[in-house]
Protein backbone atom coordinates (compact mmCIF):
# COMPACT_ATOMS: atom_id res chain seq x y z
CA MET A 1 -10.85 -26.23 68.73
CA CYS A 2 -9.49 -25.25 65.35
CA ALA A 3 -11.33 -28.15 63.73
CA ALA A 4 -14.59 -26.95 65.28
CA MET A 5 -14.01 -23.43 63.96
CA LEU A 6 -13.31 -24.73 60.46
CA THR A 7 -16.40 -26.93 60.54
CA LEU A 8 -18.64 -24.03 61.52
CA GLU A 9 -16.95 -21.84 58.94
CA ALA A 10 -17.57 -24.48 56.28
CA ILE A 11 -21.30 -24.21 56.93
CA VAL A 12 -21.26 -20.42 56.62
CA LEU A 13 -19.09 -20.46 53.50
CA GLY A 14 -21.30 -23.09 51.89
CA LEU A 15 -24.36 -20.96 52.60
CA SER A 16 -22.65 -17.92 51.13
CA ALA A 17 -22.91 -19.36 47.61
CA PRO A 18 -26.71 -18.87 47.31
CA VAL A 19 -26.35 -15.38 48.79
CA MET A 20 -23.70 -14.47 46.21
CA ILE A 21 -25.95 -15.74 43.41
CA SER A 22 -29.32 -14.31 44.46
CA VAL A 23 -28.46 -11.16 46.38
CA GLU A 24 -25.18 -9.95 44.89
CA ASP A 25 -25.64 -11.22 41.28
CA VAL A 26 -22.29 -13.00 41.23
CA ASP A 27 -21.85 -15.47 38.37
CA LYS A 28 -23.21 -18.89 39.41
CA VAL A 29 -20.05 -20.79 38.51
CA ALA A 30 -17.85 -18.33 40.39
CA ALA A 31 -20.13 -18.27 43.42
CA LEU A 32 -20.33 -22.05 43.63
CA THR A 33 -16.62 -22.47 43.05
CA ILE A 34 -15.65 -19.95 45.71
CA GLY A 35 -18.31 -20.68 48.33
CA LEU A 36 -18.46 -24.45 48.07
CA GLY A 37 -14.75 -24.75 47.27
CA LEU A 38 -13.78 -22.96 50.46
CA ALA A 39 -16.36 -24.97 52.42
CA VAL A 40 -14.90 -28.27 51.19
CA LEU A 41 -11.39 -26.99 51.86
CA CYS A 42 -12.42 -26.16 55.45
CA ILE A 43 -13.65 -29.72 55.99
CA LEU A 44 -10.51 -31.22 54.45
CA VAL A 45 -8.23 -29.05 56.55
CA ALA A 46 -10.23 -29.74 59.71
CA GLY A 47 -9.57 -33.42 59.16
CA SER A 48 -5.86 -32.95 58.60
CA LEU A 49 -4.92 -30.67 61.50
CA ARG A 50 -2.48 -33.25 62.83
CA ARG A 51 -0.05 -31.96 60.23
CA PRO A 52 1.55 -28.56 60.86
CA GLN A 53 1.05 -27.54 57.20
CA ALA A 54 -2.71 -27.74 57.67
CA TYR A 55 -2.59 -24.76 60.01
CA LEU A 56 -0.98 -22.68 57.27
CA VAL A 57 -3.82 -23.62 54.93
CA GLY A 58 -6.25 -22.71 57.73
CA HIS A 59 -4.67 -19.26 57.94
CA ALA A 60 -5.04 -18.90 54.16
CA ILE A 61 -8.72 -19.88 54.40
CA GLN A 62 -9.26 -17.03 56.84
CA VAL A 63 -7.70 -14.57 54.41
CA ALA A 64 -9.88 -15.93 51.59
CA ALA A 65 -13.02 -15.67 53.73
CA ILE A 66 -12.28 -12.02 54.45
CA ALA A 67 -11.48 -11.41 50.78
CA MET A 68 -14.94 -12.71 49.89
CA GLY A 69 -16.10 -9.34 51.17
CA PHE A 70 -15.24 -7.92 47.77
CA LEU A 71 -18.08 -10.06 46.37
CA VAL A 72 -20.46 -9.91 49.35
CA PRO A 73 -19.67 -6.93 51.60
CA ILE A 74 -20.99 -8.55 54.79
CA MET A 75 -18.29 -11.22 54.39
CA PHE A 76 -15.71 -8.65 55.50
CA PHE A 77 -17.37 -8.79 58.92
CA VAL A 78 -18.18 -12.51 58.91
CA GLY A 79 -14.71 -13.41 57.65
CA ALA A 80 -13.06 -11.21 60.28
CA MET A 81 -15.23 -12.80 62.96
CA PHE A 82 -14.19 -16.32 61.92
CA ALA A 83 -10.56 -15.23 61.60
CA ALA A 84 -10.65 -13.94 65.19
CA LEU A 85 -12.18 -17.23 66.35
CA TRP A 86 -9.63 -19.23 64.34
CA PHE A 87 -6.62 -17.33 65.70
CA GLY A 88 -8.03 -17.49 69.23
CA ALA A 89 -8.45 -21.25 68.96
CA PHE A 90 -5.02 -21.57 67.36
CA TYR A 91 -3.18 -19.70 70.12
CA LEU A 92 -5.23 -21.24 72.93
CA GLY A 93 -4.58 -24.70 71.50
CA ARG A 94 -0.84 -23.99 71.35
CA LYS A 95 -0.92 -22.83 74.97
CA ILE A 96 -2.75 -25.96 76.07
CA GLU A 97 -0.26 -28.18 74.24
CA ASP A 98 2.67 -26.35 75.84
CA ASP A 99 1.08 -26.73 79.30
CA LYS A 100 0.52 -30.46 78.73
CA ALA A 101 4.16 -30.91 77.72
CA ARG A 102 5.35 -28.97 80.76
CA TRP A 103 3.14 -31.01 83.11
CA ALA A 104 4.43 -34.25 81.58
CA ARG A 105 8.04 -33.11 82.08
CA GLU A 106 7.34 -32.12 85.67
CA ALA A 107 5.65 -35.44 86.37
CA ALA A 108 8.60 -37.34 84.86
CA GLU A 109 11.11 -35.33 86.92
CA GLY A 110 9.11 -35.86 90.11
CA GLN A 111 9.30 -39.64 89.91
């Protein structure tokens, strides 16, 4: 679930670069670096979520997405929305993994 959230977020962050350039008059280099850089980072992290450290980077991406609101004010809302989805997927995924482990233990004890 977290990988899906990061993939969708990558699309939105990638599309934020043209908005920063044309609507908010942010410097082109800065807009492309921030928007596309975060989008690429989302894809890279989505592919590496088997490592626990990747989740920490995912949390940092959410903070950065919200902080983009200082450049494009609507990103405060969009970033907060994706952060809520990310943390929901994170905690739900943890709960599912815990339930799977518990069911496996119970099945092993029952045999």
